[in-house]
C-alpha atoms as a PDB file:
ATOM      1  CA  MET A   1     -16.661 -35.391  -7.457  1.00  0.00           C
ATOM      2  CA  ALA A   2     -16.556 -32.199  -5.671  1.00  0.00           C
ATOM      3  CA  ARG A   3     -17.145 -31.504  -1.985  1.00  0.00           C
ATOM      4  CA  LEU A   4     -18.683 -28.086  -1.292  1.00  0.00           C
ATOM      5  CA  PHE A   5     -18.575 -26.129   1.913  1.00  0.00           C
ATOM      6  CA  VAL A   6     -21.082 -23.385   2.935  1.00  0.00           C
ATOM      7  CA  SER A   7     -21.753 -21.065   5.734  1.00  0.00           C
ATOM      8  CA  ASP A   8     -23.780 -18.509   7.164  1.00  0.00           C
ATOM      9  CA  VAL A   9     -26.534 -18.663   4.819  1.00  0.00           C
ATOM     10  CA  HIS A  10     -28.699 -17.202   7.427  1.00  0.00           C
ATOM     11  CA  LEU A  11     -32.209 -18.516   6.080  1.00  0.00           C
ATOM     12  CA  ASP A  12     -35.063 -16.619   7.225  1.00  0.00           C
ATOM     13  CA  SER A  13     -38.689 -15.789   6.205  1.00  0.00           C
ATOM     14  CA  ALA A  14     -37.749 -12.156   5.985  1.00  0.00           C
ATOM     15  CA  ALA A  15     -35.411 -12.804   3.194  1.00  0.00           C
ATOM     16  CA  PRO A  16     -36.914 -15.353   0.946  1.00  0.00           C
ATOM     17  CA  GLN A  17     -34.655 -14.681  -2.081  1.00  0.00           C
ATOM     18  CA  ALA A  18     -31.966 -16.320  -0.006  1.00  0.00           C
ATOM     19  CA  THR A  19     -34.064 -19.098   0.637  1.00  0.00           C
ATOM     20  CA  GLU A  20     -34.890 -19.612  -3.119  1.00  0.00           C
ATOM     21  CA  GLN A  21     -31.330 -19.284  -3.951  1.00  0.00           C
ATOM     22  CA  PHE A  22     -30.140 -21.824  -1.413  1.00  0.00           C
ATOM     23  CA  LEU A  23     -32.888 -24.244  -2.598  1.00  0.00           C
ATOM     24  CA  SER A  24     -31.787 -23.871  -6.378  1.00  0.00           C
ATOM     25  CA  PHE A  25     -27.945 -24.438  -5.074  1.00  0.00           C
ATOM     26  CA  LEU A  26     -29.193 -27.591  -3.516  1.00  0.00           C
ATOM     27  CA  ARG A  27     -31.081 -28.791  -6.805  1.00  0.00           C
ATOM     28  CA  HIS A  28     -27.881 -27.859  -9.191  1.00  0.00           C
ATOM     29  CA  GLU A  29     -24.379 -27.562  -7.715  1.00  0.00           C
ATOM     30  CA  ALA A  30     -25.040 -29.761  -4.586  1.00  0.00           C
ATOM     31  CA  ALA A  31     -26.857 -32.321  -6.098  1.00  0.00           C
ATOM     32  CA  ALA A  32     -23.860 -33.072  -8.553  1.00  0.00           C
ATOM     33  CA  ALA A  33     -21.330 -33.130  -5.508  1.00  0.00           C
ATOM     34  CA  GLU A  34     -19.989 -35.913  -3.381  1.00  0.00           C
ATOM     35  CA  ALA A  35     -20.858 -34.508  -0.070  1.00  0.00           C
ATOM     36  CA  LEU A  36     -21.994 -30.997   1.079  1.00  0.00           C
ATOM     37  CA  TYR A  37     -20.674 -29.501   4.466  1.00  0.00           C
ATOM     38  CA  ILE A  38     -22.778 -26.536   6.293  1.00  0.00           C
ATOM     39  CA  LEU A  39     -20.311 -25.029   8.646  1.00  0.00           C
ATOM     40  CA  GLY A  40     -22.935 -23.320  10.915  1.00  0.00           C
ATOM     41  CA  ASP A  41     -25.596 -20.469  10.622  1.00  0.00           C
ATOM     42  CA  LEU A  42     -27.621 -22.228   8.070  1.00  0.00           C
ATOM     43  CA  PHE A  43     -30.793 -20.605   9.725  1.00  0.00           C
ATOM     44  CA  GLU A  44     -30.881 -17.248  10.878  1.00  0.00           C
ATOM     45  CA  ALA A  45     -32.833 -18.767  14.066  1.00  0.00           C
ATOM     46  CA  TRP A  46     -33.772 -22.238  15.177  1.00  0.00           C
ATOM     47  CA  VAL A  47     -35.654 -22.219  18.637  1.00  0.00           C
ATOM     48  CA  GLY A  48     -35.741 -26.137  18.570  1.00  0.00           C
ATOM     49  CA  ASP A  49     -36.410 -29.242  16.591  1.00  0.00           C
ATOM     50  CA  ASP A  50     -40.111 -28.402  16.700  1.00  0.00           C
ATOM     51  CA  ASP A  51     -39.449 -25.217  14.630  1.00  0.00           C
ATOM     52  CA  GLU A  52     -42.357 -25.084  12.083  1.00  0.00           C
ATOM     53  CA  GLU A  53     -41.304 -21.978  10.160  1.00  0.00           C
ATOM     54  CA  PRO A  54     -42.412 -22.755   6.810  1.00  0.00           C
ATOM     55  CA  GLY A  55     -39.268 -21.631   5.009  1.00  0.00           C
ATOM     56  CA  ASN A  56     -37.094 -23.731   7.449  1.00  0.00           C
ATOM     57  CA  GLU A  57     -39.277 -27.113   6.692  1.00  0.00           C
ATOM     58  CA  ARG A  58     -38.879 -26.338   3.044  1.00  0.00           C
ATOM     59  CA  VAL A  59     -35.039 -26.395   3.342  1.00  0.00           C
ATOM     60  CA  CYS A  60     -34.948 -29.480   5.512  1.00  0.00           C
ATOM     61  CA  ARG A  61     -37.278 -31.151   2.952  1.00  0.00           C
ATOM     62  CA  ALA A  62     -34.689 -30.302   0.189  1.00  0.00           C
ATOM     63  CA  LEU A  63     -31.839 -31.401   2.130  1.00  0.00           C
ATOM     64  CA  HIS A  64     -33.614 -34.632   2.617  1.00  0.00           C
ATOM     65  CA  GLU A  65     -34.229 -34.895  -1.001  1.00  0.00           C
ATOM     66  CA  LEU A  66     -30.384 -34.272  -1.528  1.00  0.00           C
ATOM     67  CA  THR A  67     -29.239 -36.890   0.768  1.00  0.00           C
ATOM     68  CA  SER A  68     -31.871 -39.475  -0.331  1.00  0.00           C
ATOM     69  CA  GLY A  69     -30.165 -39.128  -3.704  1.00  0.00           C
ATOM     70  CA  GLY A  70     -26.841 -40.333  -2.271  1.00  0.00           C
ATOM     71  CA  VAL A  71     -24.947 -36.700  -1.423  1.00  0.00           C
ATOM     72  CA  ALA A  72     -23.697 -36.989   2.053  1.00  0.00           C
ATOM     73  CA  CYS A  73     -24.588 -33.951   3.942  1.00  0.00           C
ATOM     74  CA  PHE A  74     -22.976 -32.664   7.325  1.00  0.00           C
ATOM     75  CA  ALA A  75     -23.831 -29.720   9.580  1.00  0.00           C
ATOM     76  CA  LEU A  76     -21.909 -27.693  12.345  1.00  0.00           C
ATOM     77  CA  HIS A  77     -23.717 -25.715  14.854  1.00  0.00           C
ATOM     78  CA  GLY A  78     -23.622 -21.824  14.253  1.00  0.00           C
ATOM     79  CA  ASN A  79     -24.194 -19.039  16.799  1.00  0.00           C
ATOM     80  CA  ARG A  80     -27.781 -18.826  15.270  1.00  0.00           C
ATOM     81  CA  ASP A  81     -28.612 -22.181  15.025  1.00  0.00           C
ATOM     82  CA  PHE A  82     -26.830 -24.066  18.128  1.00  0.00           C
ATOM     83  CA  LEU A  83     -30.084 -25.908  19.065  1.00  0.00           C
ATOM     84  CA  LEU A  84     -30.130 -28.149  15.738  1.00  0.00           C
ATOM     85  CA  GLY A  85     -30.612 -31.544  17.096  1.00  0.00           C
ATOM     86  CA  ARG A  86     -31.767 -35.051  16.280  1.00  0.00           C
ATOM     87  CA  GLY A  87     -35.029 -33.894  15.048  1.00  0.00           C
ATOM     88  CA  PHE A  88     -33.281 -31.739  12.314  1.00  0.00           C
ATOM     89  CA  CYS A  89     -31.123 -34.713  11.338  1.00  0.00           C
ATOM     90  CA  GLU A  90     -34.262 -36.739  10.800  1.00  0.00           C
ATOM     91  CA  ARG A  91     -35.936 -34.302   8.977  1.00  0.00           C
ATOM     92  CA  SER A  92     -33.154 -33.317   6.794  1.00  0.00           C
ATOM     93  CA  GLY A  93     -30.899 -36.392   6.381  1.00  0.00           C
ATOM     94  CA  CYS A  94     -28.070 -34.453   7.778  1.00  0.00           C
ATOM     95  CA  ARG A  95     -25.377 -35.603  10.216  1.00  0.00           C
ATOM     96  CA  LEU A  96     -24.454 -33.352  12.930  1.00  0.00           C
ATOM     97  CA  LEU A  97     -20.619 -33.000  13.706  1.00  0.00           C
ATOM     98  CA  THR A  98     -19.076 -31.600  16.781  1.00  0.00           C
ATOM     99  CA  ASP A  99     -17.182 -28.190  16.335  1.00  0.00           C
ATOM    100  CA  PRO A 100     -14.123 -28.268  15.518  1.00  0.00           C
ATOM    101  CA  VAL A 101     -13.889 -31.281  13.499  1.00  0.00           C
ATOM    102  CA  ILE A 102     -11.072 -32.696  10.982  1.00  0.00           C
ATOM    103  CA  VAL A 103     -12.105 -34.259   7.927  1.00  0.00           C
ATOM    104  CA  GLU A 104      -9.722 -35.988   5.555  1.00  0.00           C
ATOM    105  CA  LEU A 105      -9.789 -34.846   1.648  1.00  0.00           C
ATOM    106  CA  GLU A 106      -8.156 -37.175  -0.515  1.00  0.00           C
ATOM    107  CA  GLY A 107      -5.490 -37.756   1.988  1.00  0.00           C
ATOM    108  CA  GLU A 108      -5.126 -34.202   3.619  1.00  0.00           C
ATOM    109  CA  ARG A 109      -6.441 -33.388   7.020  1.00  0.00           C
ATOM    110  CA  VAL A 110      -8.438 -30.221   7.029  1.00  0.00           C
ATOM    111  CA  LEU A 111      -9.809 -28.764  10.174  1.00  0.00           C
ATOM    112  CA  LEU A 112     -13.572 -27.492  10.003  1.00  0.00           C
ATOM    113  CA  THR A 113     -15.096 -24.965  12.167  1.00  0.00           C
ATOM    114  CA  HIS A 114     -17.969 -22.327  12.360  1.00  0.00           C
ATOM    115  CA  GLY A 115     -15.143 -19.849  13.555  1.00  0.00           C
ATOM    116  CA  ASP A 116     -17.019 -18.061  16.462  1.00  0.00           C
ATOM    117  CA  ALA A 117     -14.726 -19.634  18.856  1.00  0.00           C
ATOM    118  CA  LEU A 118     -11.768 -18.074  17.107  1.00  0.00           C
ATOM    119  CA  CYS A 119     -13.079 -14.446  17.774  1.00  0.00           C
ATOM    120  CA  THR A 120     -11.753 -14.260  21.429  1.00  0.00           C
ATOM    121  CA  ASP A 121     -11.251 -10.455  21.207  1.00  0.00           C
ATOM    122  CA  ASP A 122     -15.042 -10.264  21.190  1.00  0.00           C
ATOM    123  CA  HIS A 123     -15.467 -10.934  25.181  1.00  0.00           C
ATOM    124  CA  PRO A 124     -19.138 -10.139  25.507  1.00  0.00           C
ATOM    125  CA  TYR A 125     -19.866 -12.456  22.686  1.00  0.00           C
ATOM    126  CA  GLN A 126     -17.452 -15.202  24.068  1.00  0.00           C
ATOM    127  CA  GLU A 127     -19.560 -15.093  27.547  1.00  0.00           C
ATOM    128  CA  LEU A 128     -22.762 -15.296  25.627  1.00  0.00           C
ATOM    129  CA  ARG A 129     -21.578 -18.398  23.773  1.00  0.00           C
ATOM    130  CA  SER A 130     -20.357 -20.435  26.754  1.00  0.00           C
ATOM    131  CA  ILE A 131     -23.497 -19.492  28.176  1.00  0.00           C
ATOM    132  CA  VAL A 132     -25.901 -20.837  25.420  1.00  0.00           C
ATOM    133  CA  ARG A 133     -23.715 -23.816  24.653  1.00  0.00           C
ATOM    134  CA  ASP A 134     -24.119 -25.202  28.210  1.00  0.00           C
ATOM    135  CA  ARG A 135     -26.319 -28.152  27.852  1.00  0.00           C
ATOM    136  CA  ALA A 136     -28.240 -27.602  31.142  1.00  0.00           C
ATOM    137  CA  TRP A 137     -29.038 -23.903  29.818  1.00  0.00           C
ATOM    138  CA  GLN A 138     -30.361 -25.623  26.415  1.00  0.00           C
ATOM    139  CA  GLN A 139     -32.416 -28.017  28.148  1.00  0.00           C
ATOM    140  CA  ARG A 140     -34.198 -25.160  30.313  1.00  0.00           C
ATOM    141  CA  PHE A 141     -34.610 -23.132  27.169  1.00  0.00           C
ATOM    142  CA  LEU A 142     -36.121 -25.956  25.029  1.00  0.00           C
ATOM    143  CA  SER A 143     -38.400 -26.751  27.660  1.00  0.00           C
ATOM    144  CA  LEU A 144     -40.080 -23.371  27.377  1.00  0.00           C
ATOM    145  CA  PRO A 145     -43.242 -22.975  24.998  1.00  0.00           C
ATOM    146  CA  ARG A 146     -42.099 -22.424  21.471  1.00  0.00           C
ATOM    147  CA  ALA A 147     -43.841 -18.843  21.376  1.00  0.00           C
ATOM    148  CA  HIS A 148     -41.716 -17.894  24.290  1.00  0.00           C
ATOM    149  CA  ARG A 149     -38.408 -19.310  22.466  1.00  0.00           C
ATOM    150  CA  GLU A 150     -39.291 -17.329  19.542  1.00  0.00           C
ATOM    151  CA  GLN A 151     -39.869 -14.229  21.479  1.00  0.00           C
ATOM    152  CA  LEU A 152     -36.620 -14.593  23.117  1.00  0.00           C
ATOM    153  CA  ALA A 153     -34.680 -15.369  19.625  1.00  0.00           C
ATOM    154  CA  ASP A 154     -36.287 -12.286  18.502  1.00  0.00           C
ATOM    155  CA  GLU A 155     -34.772 -10.267  21.444  1.00  0.00           C
ATOM    156  CA  ALA A 156     -31.489 -12.044  21.010  1.00  0.00           C
ATOM    157  CA  ARG A 157     -30.938 -10.885  17.345  1.00  0.00           C
ATOM    158  CA  ALA A 158     -31.971  -7.402  18.083  1.00  0.00           C
ATOM    159  CA  GLY A 159     -29.447  -7.388  20.806  1.00  0.00           C
ATOM    160  CA  SER A 160     -26.586  -8.992  18.458  1.00  0.00           C
ATOM    161  CA  ARG A 161     -27.362  -6.041  16.007  1.00  0.00           C
ATOM    162  CA  ARG A 162     -26.898  -3.680  18.578  1.00  0.00           C
ATOM    163  CA  HIS A 163     -23.619  -5.142  19.584  1.00  0.00           C
ATOM    164  CA  THR A 164     -22.235  -5.535  16.098  1.00  0.00           C
ATOM    165  CA  ALA A 165     -23.251  -1.732  15.550  1.00  0.00           C
ATOM    166  CA  ARG A 166     -21.337  -0.364  18.605  1.00  0.00           C
ATOM    167  CA  THR A 167     -18.108  -2.739  18.385  1.00  0.00           C
ATOM    168  CA  VAL A 168     -15.041  -1.989  16.619  1.00  0.00           C
ATOM    169  CA  PRO A 169     -15.018  -4.459  13.200  1.00  0.00           C
ATOM    170  CA  TYR A 170     -11.489  -5.845  13.895  1.00  0.00           C
ATOM    171  CA  ILE A 171     -12.744  -7.034  17.783  1.00  0.00           C
ATOM    172  CA  MET A 172     -15.106  -9.376  15.724  1.00  0.00           C
ATOM    173  CA  ASP A 173     -12.853 -10.942  13.604  1.00  0.00           C
ATOM    174  CA  VAL A 174     -10.584 -13.706  14.269  1.00  0.00           C
ATOM    175  CA  ASN A 175      -7.725 -13.615  16.795  1.00  0.00           C
ATOM    176  CA  PRO A 176      -4.341 -14.423  15.194  1.00  0.00           C
ATOM    177  CA  ALA A 177      -3.128 -16.123  18.359  1.00  0.00           C
ATOM    178  CA  SER A 178      -6.278 -18.187  18.420  1.00  0.00           C
ATOM    179  CA  VAL A 179      -6.032 -19.186  15.078  1.00  0.00           C
ATOM    180  CA  GLY A 180      -2.423 -19.866  15.592  1.00  0.00           C
ATOM    181  CA  ALA A 181      -3.435 -22.153  18.490  1.00  0.00           C
ATOM    182  CA  ALA A 182      -6.157 -24.137  16.561  1.00  0.00           C
ATOM    183  CA  PHE A 183      -3.846 -25.208  13.748  1.00  0.00           C
ATOM    184  CA  ARG A 184      -1.116 -26.364  16.557  1.00  0.00           C
ATOM    185  CA  ALA A 185      -3.854 -28.368  18.310  1.00  0.00           C
ATOM    186  CA  ALA A 186      -5.065 -30.013  15.183  1.00  0.00           C
ATOM    187  CA  GLY A 187      -1.763 -30.463  13.597  1.00  0.00           C
ATOM    188  CA  VAL A 188      -3.145 -29.258  10.101  1.00  0.00           C
ATOM    189  CA  ALA A 189      -2.161 -26.898   7.304  1.00  0.00           C
ATOM    190  CA  ARG A 190      -5.454 -26.130   6.261  1.00  0.00           C
ATOM    191  CA  LEU A 191      -8.454 -24.267   8.387  1.00  0.00           C
ATOM    192  CA  VAL A 192     -12.200 -23.712   6.586  1.00  0.00           C
ATOM    193  CA  HIS A 193     -14.589 -21.450   8.664  1.00  0.00           C
ATOM    194  CA  GLY A 194     -17.251 -18.947   8.420  1.00  0.00           C
ATOM    195  CA  HIS A 195     -18.870 -16.736  10.844  1.00  0.00           C
ATOM    196  CA  THR A 196     -16.856 -13.415  10.310  1.00  0.00           C
ATOM    197  CA  HIS A 197     -18.697 -12.688   6.709  1.00  0.00           C
ATOM    198  CA  ARG A 198     -15.040 -11.940   5.399  1.00  0.00           C
ATOM    199  CA  PRO A 199     -14.651 -14.367   2.666  1.00  0.00           C
ATOM    200  CA  GLY A 200     -11.048 -15.011   1.394  1.00  0.00           C
ATOM    201  CA  VAL A 201      -8.009 -17.044   1.625  1.00  0.00           C
ATOM    202  CA  HIS A 202      -5.165 -16.314   3.920  1.00  0.00           C
ATOM    203  CA  GLU A 203      -1.608 -17.514   3.551  1.00  0.00           C
ATOM    204  CA  LEU A 204       0.121 -17.722   6.943  1.00  0.00           C
ATOM    205  CA  GLU A 205       2.883 -19.106   8.770  1.00  0.00           C
ATOM    206  CA  VAL A 206       2.713 -21.208  12.171  1.00  0.00           C
ATOM    207  CA  ASP A 207       5.728 -22.082  13.852  1.00  0.00           C
ATOM    208  CA  GLY A 208       7.760 -21.545  10.730  1.00  0.00           C
ATOM    209  CA  ARG A 209       5.395 -23.676   8.544  1.00  0.00           C
ATOM    210  CA  PRO A 210       3.022 -22.549   5.614  1.00  0.00           C
ATOM    211  CA  VAL A 211      -0.660 -22.868   6.428  1.00  0.00           C
ATOM    212  CA  GLN A 212      -3.864 -21.574   4.886  1.00  0.00           C
ATOM    213  CA  ARG A 213      -6.971 -20.343   6.157  1.00  0.00           C
ATOM    214  CA  ILE A 214     -10.135 -20.289   4.075  1.00  0.00           C
ATOM    215  CA  VAL A 215     -12.809 -17.927   5.133  1.00  0.00           C
ATOM    216  CA  LEU A 216     -16.413 -18.586   3.736  1.00  0.00           C
ATOM    217  CA  GLY A 217     -18.871 -15.670   2.627  1.00  0.00           C
ATOM    218  CA  ALA A 218     -22.265 -14.925   3.882  1.00  0.00           C
ATOM    219  CA  TRP A 219     -25.519 -15.362   1.812  1.00  0.00           C
ATOM    220  CA  TYR A 220     -27.125 -12.034   2.806  1.00  0.00           C
ATOM    221  CA  GLU A 221     -26.602 -10.479  -0.528  1.00  0.00           C
ATOM    222  CA  GLN A 222     -25.335 -13.287  -3.022  1.00  0.00           C
ATOM    223  CA  GLY A 223     -24.517 -17.175  -2.537  1.00  0.00           C
ATOM    224  CA  SER A 224     -21.148 -18.078  -1.621  1.00  0.00           C
ATOM    225  CA  PHE A 225     -19.536 -21.401  -1.461  1.00  0.00           C
ATOM    226  CA  LEU A 226     -16.131 -23.189  -1.397  1.00  0.00           C
ATOM    227  CA  ARG A 227     -15.414 -25.938  -4.184  1.00  0.00           C
ATOM    228  CA  TYR A 228     -12.782 -28.689  -3.332  1.00  0.00           C
ATOM    229  CA  GLU A 229     -12.055 -31.197  -6.079  1.00  0.00           C
ATOM    230  CA  ARG A 230      -8.600 -33.176  -6.909  1.00  0.00           C
ATOM    231  CA  GLY A 231      -6.865 -30.733  -4.440  1.00  0.00           C
ATOM    232  CA  CYS A 232      -8.062 -27.422  -5.577  1.00  0.00           C
ATOM    233  CA  TYR A 233     -10.046 -25.189  -3.505  1.00  0.00           C
ATOM    234  CA  GLU A 234     -11.885 -22.580  -5.129  1.00  0.00           C
ATOM    235  CA  LEU A 235     -14.204 -20.032  -3.545  1.00  0.00           C
ATOM    236  CA  ARG A 236     -17.011 -19.097  -5.648  1.00  0.00           C
ATOM    237  CA  THR A 237     -20.074 -16.714  -5.739  1.00  0.00           C
ATOM    238  CA  LEU A 238     -23.717 -17.008  -7.097  1.00  0.00           C
ATOM    239  CA  PRO A 239     -24.935 -13.743  -8.375  1.00  0.00           C
ATOM    240  CA  ARG A 240     -28.750 -13.060  -7.027  1.00  0.00           C
ATOM    241  CA  ASP A 241     -31.227 -11.084  -9.428  1.00  0.00           C
END
């Protein structure tokens, strides 16, 4: 049976077509798989496990149905949904994994990560990342009323759009030295990540040995996932009407 990988689905009430497509993906492609790995940014925003956005709740119920049917589902935090916690796991049936993580696929060790930690040329983003990933900061944020958290999340997304608009595109892509360091530290020959929204398969060399970096696509305009089965990795797209 296949294992599937997605990232950057960015589910949001403002984009109902993406939500419907992802729910269809869970009912069909994912339901026939052995496992589903969500490598961050499943949601455009997640302000805490008391999130009551109706679309997000539908997705959690669908994931719970998937896992109850015997499909293992794993999730990493992204830069948009880094507050996913125990409550999300209980509602969805997913298991949260530490980022980065090494998984074994038929004897091969593969490194999985959201990918934002590899974009080290984007210094303002890395500074922000270090702040919001701090446990004490998260506890203070989660102690705020939900309406206040939602307002702050809206402001953060607007700031992110402004930052993206004025930043040279290559700065927001992965840094080659950081990619090489990740391969060395993990001792693997294959890396799968998202975040950059630049799907593709990159053949590289690190210290004279061949390695492969697979980048997952975002779901803004169409579905995108990686399928692994019997040693074969295939990036696939799902057209959207």
